[in-house]
Amino acid sequence: MSTTDPSSLESTTSTMMAGALSTALCYISKTSEAYNATRSTDPNPSYTYDAPPTADPNDPNSPLTGLQSRIFIFSVSTSLATQYIPLMNGIFAAQRLRVPID
C-alpha cells in the first residue's frame, strides 16, 4: 500500500469488493483469535472463532462471550462478472466464520 499512487488507481476500472471483503475477514479472524487466546487457559482450545464450548451458539438464550463481528458493504458501482467468483468465495468464508454481511 505504500507504493500505491493515484495514477495506478485511476487505471483500474473494476471494483475491489472481493479484496476488501477478504481484508475485513482476515482482520476479523485475527482479532477473534487474539481475543480467544487472551481468554483461554487451555493451550489447545477446541474453538477458534465461536464462543467457548460451554455456550451453545444455536440457543438464542445462551450468553455468547466471544467477539460479535459484522460486515457492512456499501457500493455505488455496478457489479462485474469477473468479481463474481472471488466475491462468492468471500461470502462463503464469512458464512463459515458466522460473520453476517449487510
PDB file of N, CA and C in Angstrom:
ATOM      1  N   MET A   1       0.808  -1.183   0.000  1.00  0.00           N
ATOM      2  CA  MET A   1       0.000   0.000   0.000  1.00  0.00           C
ATOM      3  C   MET A   1       0.854   1.250   0.000  1.00  0.00           C
ATOM      4  N   SER A   2       2.065   1.170   0.473  1.00  0.00           N
ATOM      5  CA  SER A   2       2.907   2.357   0.493  1.00  0.00           C
ATOM      6  C   SER A   2       3.379   2.734  -0.904  1.00  0.00           C
ATOM      7  N   THR A   3       3.296   1.789  -1.862  1.00  0.00           N
ATOM      8  CA  THR A   3       3.720   2.080  -3.222  1.00  0.00           C
ATOM      9  C   THR A   3       2.555   2.406  -4.144  1.00  0.00           C
ATOM     10  N   THR A   4       1.347   2.468  -3.630  1.00  0.00           N
ATOM     11  CA  THR A   4       0.182   2.792  -4.457  1.00  0.00           C
ATOM     12  C   THR A   4       0.126   4.291  -4.689  1.00  0.00           C
ATOM     13  N   ASP A   5       0.012   4.665  -5.947  1.00  0.00           N
ATOM     14  CA  ASP A   5      -0.107   6.081  -6.278  1.00  0.00           C
ATOM     15  C   ASP A   5      -1.430   6.325  -7.007  1.00  0.00           C
ATOM     16  N   PRO A   6      -1.878   7.560  -7.079  1.00  0.00           N
ATOM     17  CA  PRO A   6      -3.183   7.852  -7.701  1.00  0.00           C
ATOM     18  C   PRO A   6      -3.293   7.395  -9.153  1.00  0.00           C
ATOM     19  N   SER A   7      -2.204   7.429  -9.900  1.00  0.00           N
ATOM     20  CA  SER A   7      -2.283   7.031 -11.308  1.00  0.00           C
ATOM     21  C   SER A   7      -2.587   5.543 -11.463  1.00  0.00           C
ATOM     22  N   SER A   8      -2.088   4.710 -10.565  1.00  0.00           N
ATOM     23  CA  SER A   8      -2.392   3.279 -10.653  1.00  0.00           C
ATOM     24  C   SER A   8      -3.838   2.996 -10.269  1.00  0.00           C
ATOM     25  N   LEU A   9      -4.407   3.807  -9.382  1.00  0.00           N
ATOM     26  CA  LEU A   9      -5.808   3.633  -9.021  1.00  0.00           C
ATOM     27  C   LEU A   9      -6.736   4.111 -10.126  1.00  0.00           C
ATOM     28  N   GLU A  10      -6.350   5.145 -10.839  1.00  0.00           N
ATOM     29  CA  GLU A  10      -7.179   5.660 -11.922  1.00  0.00           C
ATOM     30  C   GLU A  10      -7.229   4.699 -13.104  1.00  0.00           C
ATOM     31  N   SER A  11      -6.177   3.906 -13.293  1.00  0.00           N
ATOM     32  CA  SER A  11      -6.154   2.976 -14.418  1.00  0.00           C
ATOM     33  C   SER A  11      -6.992   1.728 -14.151  1.00  0.00           C
ATOM     34  N   THR A  12      -7.365   1.481 -12.919  1.00  0.00           N
ATOM     35  CA  THR A  12      -8.184   0.334 -12.571  1.00  0.00           C
ATOM     36  C   THR A  12      -9.652   0.711 -12.686  1.00  0.00           C
ATOM     37  N   THR A  13     -10.375  -0.001 -13.561  1.00  0.00           N
ATOM     38  CA  THR A  13     -11.791   0.333 -13.755  1.00  0.00           C
ATOM     39  C   THR A  13     -12.725  -0.592 -12.990  1.00  0.00           C
ATOM     40  N   SER A  14     -12.217  -1.664 -12.436  1.00  0.00           N
ATOM     41  CA  SER A  14     -13.082  -2.598 -11.719  1.00  0.00           C
ATOM     42  C   SER A  14     -13.080  -2.304 -10.227  1.00  0.00           C
ATOM     43  N   THR A  15     -14.097  -2.814  -9.564  1.00  0.00           N
ATOM     44  CA  THR A  15     -14.172  -2.644  -8.111  1.00  0.00           C
ATOM     45  C   THR A  15     -13.291  -3.677  -7.433  1.00  0.00           C
ATOM     46  N   MET A  16     -12.884  -3.384  -6.256  1.00  0.00           N
ATOM     47  CA  MET A  16     -12.051  -4.292  -5.471  1.00  0.00           C
ATOM     48  C   MET A  16     -12.842  -4.814  -4.277  1.00  0.00           C
ATOM     49  N   MET A  17     -14.112  -5.146  -4.533  1.00  0.00           N
ATOM     50  CA  MET A  17     -15.005  -5.589  -3.475  1.00  0.00           C
ATOM     51  C   MET A  17     -14.512  -6.886  -2.835  1.00  0.00           C
ATOM     52  N   ALA A  18     -14.076  -7.845  -3.656  1.00  0.00           N
ATOM     53  CA  ALA A  18     -13.615  -9.124  -3.111  1.00  0.00           C
ATOM     54  C   ALA A  18     -12.367  -8.934  -2.261  1.00  0.00           C
ATOM     55  N   GLY A  19     -11.476  -8.064  -2.685  1.00  0.00           N
ATOM     56  CA  GLY A  19     -10.274  -7.789  -1.898  1.00  0.00           C
ATOM     57  C   GLY A  19     -10.597  -7.110  -0.579  1.00  0.00           C
ATOM     58  N   ALA A  20     -11.550  -6.195  -0.608  1.00  0.00           N
ATOM     59  CA  ALA A  20     -11.957  -5.519   0.620  1.00  0.00           C
ATOM     60  C   ALA A  20     -12.629  -6.491   1.583  1.00  0.00           C
ATOM     61  N   LEU A  21     -13.455  -7.382   1.045  1.00  0.00           N
ATOM     62  CA  LEU A  21     -14.116  -8.387   1.885  1.00  0.00           C
ATOM     63  C   LEU A  21     -13.086  -9.339   2.492  1.00  0.00           C
ATOM     64  N   SER A  22     -12.103  -9.744   1.695  1.00  0.00           N
ATOM     65  CA  SER A  22     -11.042 -10.624   2.205  1.00  0.00           C
ATOM     66  C   SER A  22     -10.245  -9.943   3.306  1.00  0.00           C
ATOM     67  N   THR A  23      -9.949  -8.668   3.118  1.00  0.00           N
ATOM     68  CA  THR A  23      -9.209  -7.918   4.140  1.00  0.00           C
ATOM     69  C   THR A  23     -10.007  -7.836   5.434  1.00  0.00           C
ATOM     70  N   ALA A  24     -11.301  -7.566   5.315  1.00  0.00           N
ATOM     71  CA  ALA A  24     -12.149  -7.490   6.513  1.00  0.00           C
ATOM     72  C   ALA A  24     -12.221  -8.829   7.229  1.00  0.00           C
ATOM     73  N   LEU A  25     -12.359  -9.916   6.463  1.00  0.00           N
ATOM     74  CA  LEU A  25     -12.433 -11.248   7.079  1.00  0.00           C
ATOM     75  C   LEU A  25     -11.120 -11.634   7.741  1.00  0.00           C
ATOM     76  N   CYS A  26     -10.002 -11.266   7.135  1.00  0.00           N
ATOM     77  CA  CYS A  26      -8.694 -11.549   7.751  1.00  0.00           C
ATOM     78  C   CYS A  26      -8.547 -10.800   9.068  1.00  0.00           C
ATOM     79  N   TYR A  27      -8.969  -9.546   9.085  1.00  0.00           N
ATOM     80  CA  TYR A  27      -8.890  -8.755  10.310  1.00  0.00           C
ATOM     81  C   TYR A  27      -9.785  -9.330  11.400  1.00  0.00           C
ATOM     82  N   ILE A  28     -10.992  -9.719  11.026  1.00  0.00           N
ATOM     83  CA  ILE A  28     -11.916 -10.302  11.999  1.00  0.00           C
ATOM     84  C   ILE A  28     -11.357 -11.610  12.540  1.00  0.00           C
ATOM     85  N   SER A  29     -10.813 -12.430  11.667  1.00  0.00           N
ATOM     86  CA  SER A  29     -10.250 -13.711  12.091  1.00  0.00           C
ATOM     87  C   SER A  29      -9.075 -13.512  13.044  1.00  0.00           C
ATOM     88  N   LYS A  30      -8.179 -12.600  12.681  1.00  0.00           N
ATOM     89  CA  LYS A  30      -7.001 -12.341  13.515  1.00  0.00           C
ATOM     90  C   LYS A  30      -7.410 -11.771  14.869  1.00  0.00           C
ATOM     91  N   THR A  31      -8.355 -10.859  14.874  1.00  0.00           N
ATOM     92  CA  THR A  31      -8.813 -10.251  16.117  1.00  0.00           C
ATOM     93  C   THR A  31      -9.533 -11.263  16.995  1.00  0.00           C
ATOM     94  N   SER A  32     -10.343 -12.118  16.387  1.00  0.00           N
ATOM     95  CA  SER A  32     -11.063 -13.137  17.153  1.00  0.00           C
ATOM     96  C   SER A  32     -10.107 -14.139  17.787  1.00  0.00           C
ATOM     97  N   GLU A  33      -9.092 -14.552  17.026  1.00  0.00           N
ATOM     98  CA  GLU A  33      -8.121 -15.491  17.593  1.00  0.00           C
ATOM     99  C   GLU A  33      -7.346 -14.863  18.734  1.00  0.00           C
ATOM    100  N   ALA A  34      -6.963 -13.605  18.583  1.00  0.00           N
ATOM    101  CA  ALA A  34      -6.237 -12.922  19.660  1.00  0.00           C
ATOM    102  C   ALA A  34      -7.121 -12.765  20.890  1.00  0.00           C
ATOM    103  N   TYR A  35      -8.384 -12.446  20.676  1.00  0.00           N
ATOM    104  CA  TYR A  35      -9.319 -12.296  21.793  1.00  0.00           C
ATOM    105  C   TYR A  35      -9.511 -13.627  22.513  1.00  0.00           C
ATOM    106  N   ASN A  36      -9.716 -14.699  21.738  1.00  0.00           N
ATOM    107  CA  ASN A  36      -9.918 -16.011  22.353  1.00  0.00           C
ATOM    108  C   ASN A  36      -8.658 -16.509  23.044  1.00  0.00           C
ATOM    109  N   ALA A  37      -7.491 -16.171  22.519  1.00  0.00           N
ATOM    110  CA  ALA A  37      -6.241 -16.599  23.144  1.00  0.00           C
ATOM    111  C   ALA A  37      -6.036 -15.924  24.496  1.00  0.00           C
ATOM    112  N   THR A  38      -6.475 -14.693  24.635  1.00  0.00           N
ATOM    113  CA  THR A  38      -6.310 -13.998  25.915  1.00  0.00           C
ATOM    114  C   THR A  38      -7.303 -14.493  26.951  1.00  0.00           C
ATOM    115  N   ARG A  39      -8.410 -15.081  26.514  1.00  0.00           N
ATOM    116  CA  ARG A  39      -9.431 -15.554  27.442  1.00  0.00           C
ATOM    117  C   ARG A  39      -9.287 -17.023  27.775  1.00  0.00           C
ATOM    118  N   SER A  40      -8.474 -17.738  27.026  1.00  0.00           N
ATOM    119  CA  SER A  40      -8.375 -19.187  27.180  1.00  0.00           C
ATOM    120  C   SER A  40      -7.224 -19.562  28.106  1.00  0.00           C
ATOM    121  N   THR A  41      -7.465 -20.548  28.952  1.00  0.00           N
ATOM    122  CA  THR A  41      -6.396 -21.094  29.766  1.00  0.00           C
ATOM    123  C   THR A  41      -5.904 -22.408  29.190  1.00  0.00           C
ATOM    124  N   ASP A  42      -6.658 -22.973  28.248  1.00  0.00           N
ATOM    125  CA  ASP A  42      -6.291 -24.217  27.589  1.00  0.00           C
ATOM    126  C   ASP A  42      -5.299 -23.904  26.472  1.00  0.00           C
ATOM    127  N   PRO A  43      -4.105 -24.547  26.447  1.00  0.00           N
ATOM    128  CA  PRO A  43      -3.138 -24.246  25.387  1.00  0.00           C
ATOM    129  C   PRO A  43      -3.601 -24.702  24.007  1.00  0.00           C
ATOM    130  N   ASN A  44      -4.519 -25.644  23.921  1.00  0.00           N
ATOM    131  CA  ASN A  44      -5.062 -26.116  22.652  1.00  0.00           C
ATOM    132  C   ASN A  44      -6.580 -26.027  22.695  1.00  0.00           C
ATOM    133  N   PRO A  45      -7.125 -24.826  22.533  1.00  0.00           N
ATOM    134  CA  PRO A  45      -8.581 -24.698  22.638  1.00  0.00           C
ATOM    135  C   PRO A  45      -9.278 -25.398  21.488  1.00  0.00           C
ATOM    136  N   SER A  46     -10.480 -25.924  21.763  1.00  0.00           N
ATOM    137  CA  SER A  46     -11.236 -26.645  20.747  1.00  0.00           C
ATOM    138  C   SER A  46     -12.105 -25.703  19.929  1.00  0.00           C
ATOM    139  N   TYR A  47     -12.053 -24.433  20.216  1.00  0.00           N
ATOM    140  CA  TYR A  47     -12.821 -23.451  19.468  1.00  0.00           C
ATOM    141  C   TYR A  47     -11.859 -22.401  18.929  1.00  0.00           C
ATOM    142  N   THR A  48     -12.243 -21.743  17.855  1.00  0.00           N
ATOM    143  CA  THR A  48     -11.403 -20.686  17.313  1.00  0.00           C
ATOM    144  C   THR A  48     -12.180 -19.396  17.159  1.00  0.00           C
ATOM    145  N   TYR A  49     -13.285 -19.418  16.439  1.00  0.00           N
ATOM    146  CA  TYR A  49     -13.989 -18.188  16.132  1.00  0.00           C
ATOM    147  C   TYR A  49     -15.300 -18.059  16.895  1.00  0.00           C
ATOM    148  N   ASP A  50     -15.717 -19.095  17.562  1.00  0.00           N
ATOM    149  CA  ASP A  50     -17.005 -19.088  18.217  1.00  0.00           C
ATOM    150  C   ASP A  50     -16.839 -18.823  19.698  1.00  0.00           C
ATOM    151  N   ALA A  51     -17.934 -18.906  20.376  1.00  0.00           N
ATOM    152  CA  ALA A  51     -17.924 -18.768  21.825  1.00  0.00           C
ATOM    153  C   ALA A  51     -17.296 -20.017  22.437  1.00  0.00           C
ATOM    154  N   PRO A  52     -16.889 -19.950  23.690  1.00  0.00           N
ATOM    155  CA  PRO A  52     -16.343 -21.131  24.348  1.00  0.00           C
ATOM    156  C   PRO A  52     -17.322 -22.294  24.323  1.00  0.00           C
ATOM    157  N   PRO A  53     -16.829 -23.526  24.468  1.00  0.00           N
ATOM    158  CA  PRO A  53     -17.690 -24.701  24.349  1.00  0.00           C
ATOM    159  C   PRO A  53     -18.859 -24.742  25.314  1.00  0.00           C
ATOM    160  N   THR A  54     -18.812 -23.994  26.420  1.00  0.00           N
ATOM    161  CA  THR A  54     -19.918 -24.023  27.370  1.00  0.00           C
ATOM    162  C   THR A  54     -21.144 -23.279  26.848  1.00  0.00           C
ATOM    163  N   ALA A  55     -20.957 -22.410  25.858  1.00  0.00           N
ATOM    164  CA  ALA A  55     -22.079 -21.666  25.282  1.00  0.00           C
ATOM    165  C   ALA A  55     -22.554 -22.373  24.026  1.00  0.00           C
ATOM    166  N   ASP A  56     -23.856 -22.509  23.905  1.00  0.00           N
ATOM    167  CA  ASP A  56     -24.438 -23.155  22.737  1.00  0.00           C
ATOM    168  C   ASP A  56     -24.793 -22.083  21.704  1.00  0.00           C
ATOM    169  N   PRO A  57     -24.096 -22.041  20.545  1.00  0.00           N
ATOM    170  CA  PRO A  57     -24.388 -20.992  19.561  1.00  0.00           C
ATOM    171  C   PRO A  57     -25.759 -21.134  18.923  1.00  0.00           C
ATOM    172  N   ASN A  58     -26.404 -22.294  19.042  1.00  0.00           N
ATOM    173  CA  ASN A  58     -27.731 -22.492  18.471  1.00  0.00           C
ATOM    174  C   ASN A  58     -28.849 -22.092  19.423  1.00  0.00           C
ATOM    175  N   ASP A  59     -28.519 -21.851  20.681  1.00  0.00           N
ATOM    176  CA  ASP A  59     -29.504 -21.465  21.679  1.00  0.00           C
ATOM    177  C   ASP A  59     -29.559 -19.938  21.762  1.00  0.00           C
ATOM    178  N   PRO A  60     -30.696 -19.309  21.413  1.00  0.00           N
ATOM    179  CA  PRO A  60     -30.755 -17.839  21.457  1.00  0.00           C
ATOM    180  C   PRO A  60     -30.643 -17.267  22.857  1.00  0.00           C
ATOM    181  N   ASN A  61     -30.869 -18.061  23.891  1.00  0.00           N
ATOM    182  CA  ASN A  61     -30.769 -17.583  25.276  1.00  0.00           C
ATOM    183  C   ASN A  61     -29.389 -17.798  25.881  1.00  0.00           C
ATOM    184  N   SER A  62     -28.498 -18.444  25.136  1.00  0.00           N
ATOM    185  CA  SER A  62     -27.167 -18.725  25.643  1.00  0.00           C
ATOM    186  C   SER A  62     -26.289 -17.477  25.539  1.00  0.00           C
ATOM    187  N   PRO A  63     -25.572 -17.127  26.600  1.00  0.00           N
ATOM    188  CA  PRO A  63     -24.716 -15.938  26.540  1.00  0.00           C
ATOM    189  C   PRO A  63     -23.434 -16.239  25.773  1.00  0.00           C
ATOM    190  N   LEU A  64     -23.285 -15.651  24.615  1.00  0.00           N
ATOM    191  CA  LEU A  64     -22.058 -15.827  23.840  1.00  0.00           C
ATOM    192  C   LEU A  64     -21.026 -14.839  24.357  1.00  0.00           C
ATOM    193  N   THR A  65     -19.851 -15.330  24.643  1.00  0.00           N
ATOM    194  CA  THR A  65     -18.836 -14.469  25.230  1.00  0.00           C
ATOM    195  C   THR A  65     -17.747 -14.095  24.246  1.00  0.00           C
ATOM    196  N   GLY A  66     -17.805 -14.581  23.028  1.00  0.00           N
ATOM    197  CA  GLY A  66     -16.812 -14.235  22.021  1.00  0.00           C
ATOM    198  C   GLY A  66     -17.126 -12.896  21.376  1.00  0.00           C
ATOM    199  N   LEU A  67     -16.250 -12.471  20.486  1.00  0.00           N
ATOM    200  CA  LEU A  67     -16.487 -11.229  19.756  1.00  0.00           C
ATOM    201  C   LEU A  67     -17.614 -11.427  18.747  1.00  0.00           C
ATOM    202  N   GLN A  68     -18.432 -10.434  18.590  1.00  0.00           N
ATOM    203  CA  GLN A  68     -19.510 -10.458  17.610  1.00  0.00           C
ATOM    204  C   GLN A  68     -19.138  -9.486  16.498  1.00  0.00           C
ATOM    205  N   SER A  69     -18.889 -10.008  15.301  1.00  0.00           N
ATOM    206  CA  SER A  69     -18.457  -9.187  14.176  1.00  0.00           C
ATOM    207  C   SER A  69     -19.555  -9.099  13.135  1.00  0.00           C
ATOM    208  N   ARG A  70     -19.481  -8.053  12.330  1.00  0.00           N
ATOM    209  CA  ARG A  70     -20.459  -7.828  11.258  1.00  0.00           C
ATOM    210  C   ARG A  70     -19.771  -6.996  10.177  1.00  0.00           C
ATOM    211  N   ILE A  71     -20.095  -7.263   8.919  1.00  0.00           N
ATOM    212  CA  ILE A  71     -19.517  -6.512   7.803  1.00  0.00           C
ATOM    213  C   ILE A  71     -20.648  -5.798   7.075  1.00  0.00           C
ATOM    214  N   PHE A  72     -20.440  -4.520   6.820  1.00  0.00           N
ATOM    215  CA  PHE A  72     -21.402  -3.718   6.074  1.00  0.00           C
ATOM    216  C   PHE A  72     -20.778  -3.351   4.738  1.00  0.00           C
ATOM    217  N   ILE A  73     -21.454  -3.706   3.644  1.00  0.00           N
ATOM    218  CA  ILE A  73     -20.955  -3.404   2.304  1.00  0.00           C
ATOM    219  C   ILE A  73     -21.827  -2.315   1.695  1.00  0.00           C
ATOM    220  N   PHE A  74     -21.165  -1.267   1.269  1.00  0.00           N
ATOM    221  CA  PHE A  74     -21.848  -0.153   0.610  1.00  0.00           C
ATOM    222  C   PHE A  74     -21.131   0.092  -0.709  1.00  0.00           C
ATOM    223  N   SER A  75     -21.828  -0.095  -1.801  1.00  0.00           N
ATOM    224  CA  SER A  75     -21.205   0.059  -3.111  1.00  0.00           C
ATOM    225  C   SER A  75     -22.121   0.855  -4.024  1.00  0.00           C
ATOM    226  N   VAL A  76     -21.540   1.798  -4.759  1.00  0.00           N
ATOM    227  CA  VAL A  76     -22.302   2.579  -5.722  1.00  0.00           C
ATOM    228  C   VAL A  76     -21.926   2.217  -7.155  1.00  0.00           C
ATOM    229  N   SER A  77     -21.039   1.250  -7.307  1.00  0.00           N
ATOM    230  CA  SER A  77     -20.611   0.847  -8.644  1.00  0.00           C
ATOM    231  C   SER A  77     -21.407  -0.371  -9.105  1.00  0.00           C
ATOM    232  N   THR A  78     -21.368  -0.602 -10.394  1.00  0.00           N
ATOM    233  CA  THR A  78     -22.033  -1.781 -10.941  1.00  0.00           C
ATOM    234  C   THR A  78     -21.185  -3.008 -10.657  1.00  0.00           C
ATOM    235  N   SER A  79     -21.812  -4.142 -10.580  1.00  0.00           N
ATOM    236  CA  SER A  79     -21.072  -5.374 -10.327  1.00  0.00           C
ATOM    237  C   SER A  79     -20.520  -5.923 -11.635  1.00  0.00           C
ATOM    238  N   LEU A  80     -19.349  -6.499 -11.561  1.00  0.00           N
ATOM    239  CA  LEU A  80     -18.705  -7.070 -12.731  1.00  0.00           C
ATOM    240  C   LEU A  80     -18.714  -8.586 -12.642  1.00  0.00           C
ATOM    241  N   ALA A  81     -18.828  -9.220 -13.788  1.00  0.00           N
ATOM    242  CA  ALA A  81     -18.850 -10.683 -13.827  1.00  0.00           C
ATOM    243  C   ALA A  81     -17.520 -11.272 -13.372  1.00  0.00           C
ATOM    244  N   THR A  82     -16.424 -10.552 -13.568  1.00  0.00           N
ATOM    245  CA  THR A  82     -15.113 -11.072 -13.170  1.00  0.00           C
ATOM    246  C   THR A  82     -14.943 -11.117 -11.661  1.00  0.00           C
ATOM    247  N   GLN A  83     -15.750 -10.371 -10.929  1.00  0.00           N
ATOM    248  CA  GLN A  83     -15.652 -10.349  -9.470  1.00  0.00           C
ATOM    249  C   GLN A  83     -16.611 -11.329  -8.809  1.00  0.00           C
ATOM    250  N   TYR A  84     -17.436 -12.022  -9.582  1.00  0.00           N
ATOM    251  CA  TYR A  84     -18.476 -12.869  -9.002  1.00  0.00           C
ATOM    252  C   TYR A  84     -17.881 -14.004  -8.168  1.00  0.00           C
ATOM    253  N   ILE A  85     -16.981 -14.787  -8.729  1.00  0.00           N
ATOM    254  CA  ILE A  85     -16.439 -15.952  -8.015  1.00  0.00           C
ATOM    255  C   ILE A  85     -15.620 -15.528  -6.795  1.00  0.00           C
ATOM    256  N   PRO A  86     -14.697 -14.552  -6.909  1.00  0.00           N
ATOM    257  CA  PRO A  86     -13.981 -14.138  -5.693  1.00  0.00           C
ATOM    258  C   PRO A  86     -14.902 -13.586  -4.614  1.00  0.00           C
ATOM    259  N   LEU A  87     -15.938 -12.859  -5.024  1.00  0.00           N
ATOM    260  CA  LEU A  87     -16.874 -12.307  -4.044  1.00  0.00           C
ATOM    261  C   LEU A  87     -17.681 -13.413  -3.369  1.00  0.00           C
ATOM    262  N   MET A  88     -18.110 -14.403  -4.137  1.00  0.00           N
ATOM    263  CA  MET A  88     -18.850 -15.524  -3.550  1.00  0.00           C
ATOM    264  C   MET A  88     -17.966 -16.336  -2.600  1.00  0.00           C
ATOM    265  N   ASN A  89     -16.694 -16.500  -2.939  1.00  0.00           N
ATOM    266  CA  ASN A  89     -15.771 -17.185  -2.025  1.00  0.00           C
ATOM    267  C   ASN A  89     -15.656 -16.427  -0.709  1.00  0.00           C
ATOM    268  N   GLY A  90     -15.620 -15.105  -0.783  1.00  0.00           N
ATOM    269  CA  GLY A  90     -15.586 -14.302   0.435  1.00  0.00           C
ATOM    270  C   GLY A  90     -16.860 -14.432   1.241  1.00  0.00           C
ATOM    271  N   ILE A  91     -17.993 -14.496   0.569  1.00  0.00           N
ATOM    272  CA  ILE A  91     -19.274 -14.662   1.264  1.00  0.00           C
ATOM    273  C   ILE A  91     -19.343 -16.023   1.948  1.00  0.00           C
ATOM    274  N   PHE A  92     -18.861 -17.063   1.269  1.00  0.00           N
ATOM    275  CA  PHE A  92     -18.853 -18.388   1.889  1.00  0.00           C
ATOM    276  C   PHE A  92     -17.911 -18.421   3.095  1.00  0.00           C
ATOM    277  N   ALA A  93     -16.785 -17.731   3.010  1.00  0.00           N
ATOM    278  CA  ALA A  93     -15.860 -17.668   4.146  1.00  0.00           C
ATOM    279  C   ALA A  93     -16.508 -16.933   5.317  1.00  0.00           C
ATOM    280  N   ALA A  94     -17.233 -15.864   5.025  1.00  0.00           N
ATOM    281  CA  ALA A  94     -17.926 -15.129   6.094  1.00  0.00           C
ATOM    282  C   ALA A  94     -18.998 -16.005   6.731  1.00  0.00           C
ATOM    283  N   GLN A  95     -19.672 -16.783   5.913  1.00  0.00           N
ATOM    284  CA  GLN A  95     -20.700 -17.688   6.440  1.00  0.00           C
ATOM    285  C   GLN A  95     -20.074 -18.724   7.358  1.00  0.00           C
ATOM    286  N   ARG A  96     -18.914 -19.259   6.969  1.00  0.00           N
ATOM    287  CA  ARG A  96     -18.232 -20.255   7.799  1.00  0.00           C
ATOM    288  C   ARG A  96     -17.780 -19.659   9.123  1.00  0.00           C
ATOM    289  N   LEU A  97     -17.360 -18.398   9.099  1.00  0.00           N
ATOM    290  CA  LEU A  97     -16.916 -17.725  10.327  1.00  0.00           C
ATOM    291  C   LEU A  97     -18.088 -17.159  11.134  1.00  0.00           C
ATOM    292  N   ARG A  98     -19.309 -17.322  10.608  1.00  0.00           N
ATOM    293  CA  ARG A  98     -20.518 -16.790  11.234  1.00  0.00           C
ATOM    294  C   ARG A  98     -20.477 -15.285  11.391  1.00  0.00           C
ATOM    295  N   VAL A  99     -20.030 -14.638  10.311  1.00  0.00           N
ATOM    296  CA  VAL A  99     -19.980 -13.175  10.266  1.00  0.00           C
ATOM    297  C   VAL A  99     -21.060 -12.711   9.301  1.00  0.00           C
ATOM    298  N   PRO A 100     -22.097 -12.049   9.797  1.00  0.00           N
ATOM    299  CA  PRO A 100     -23.144 -11.579   8.895  1.00  0.00           C
ATOM    300  C   PRO A 100     -22.653 -10.426   8.012  1.00  0.00           C
ATOM    301  N   ILE A 101     -23.148 -10.414   6.791  1.00  0.00           N
ATOM    302  CA  ILE A 101     -22.816  -9.342   5.852  1.00  0.00           C
ATOM    303  C   ILE A 101     -24.098  -8.570   5.552  1.00  0.00           C
ATOM    304  N   ASP A 102     -24.039  -7.276   5.750  1.00  0.00           N
ATOM    305  CA  ASP A 102     -25.171  -6.393   5.434  1.00  0.00           C
ATOM    306  C   ASP A 102     -24.852  -5.625   4.176  1.00  0.00           C
TER     307      ASP A 102
END
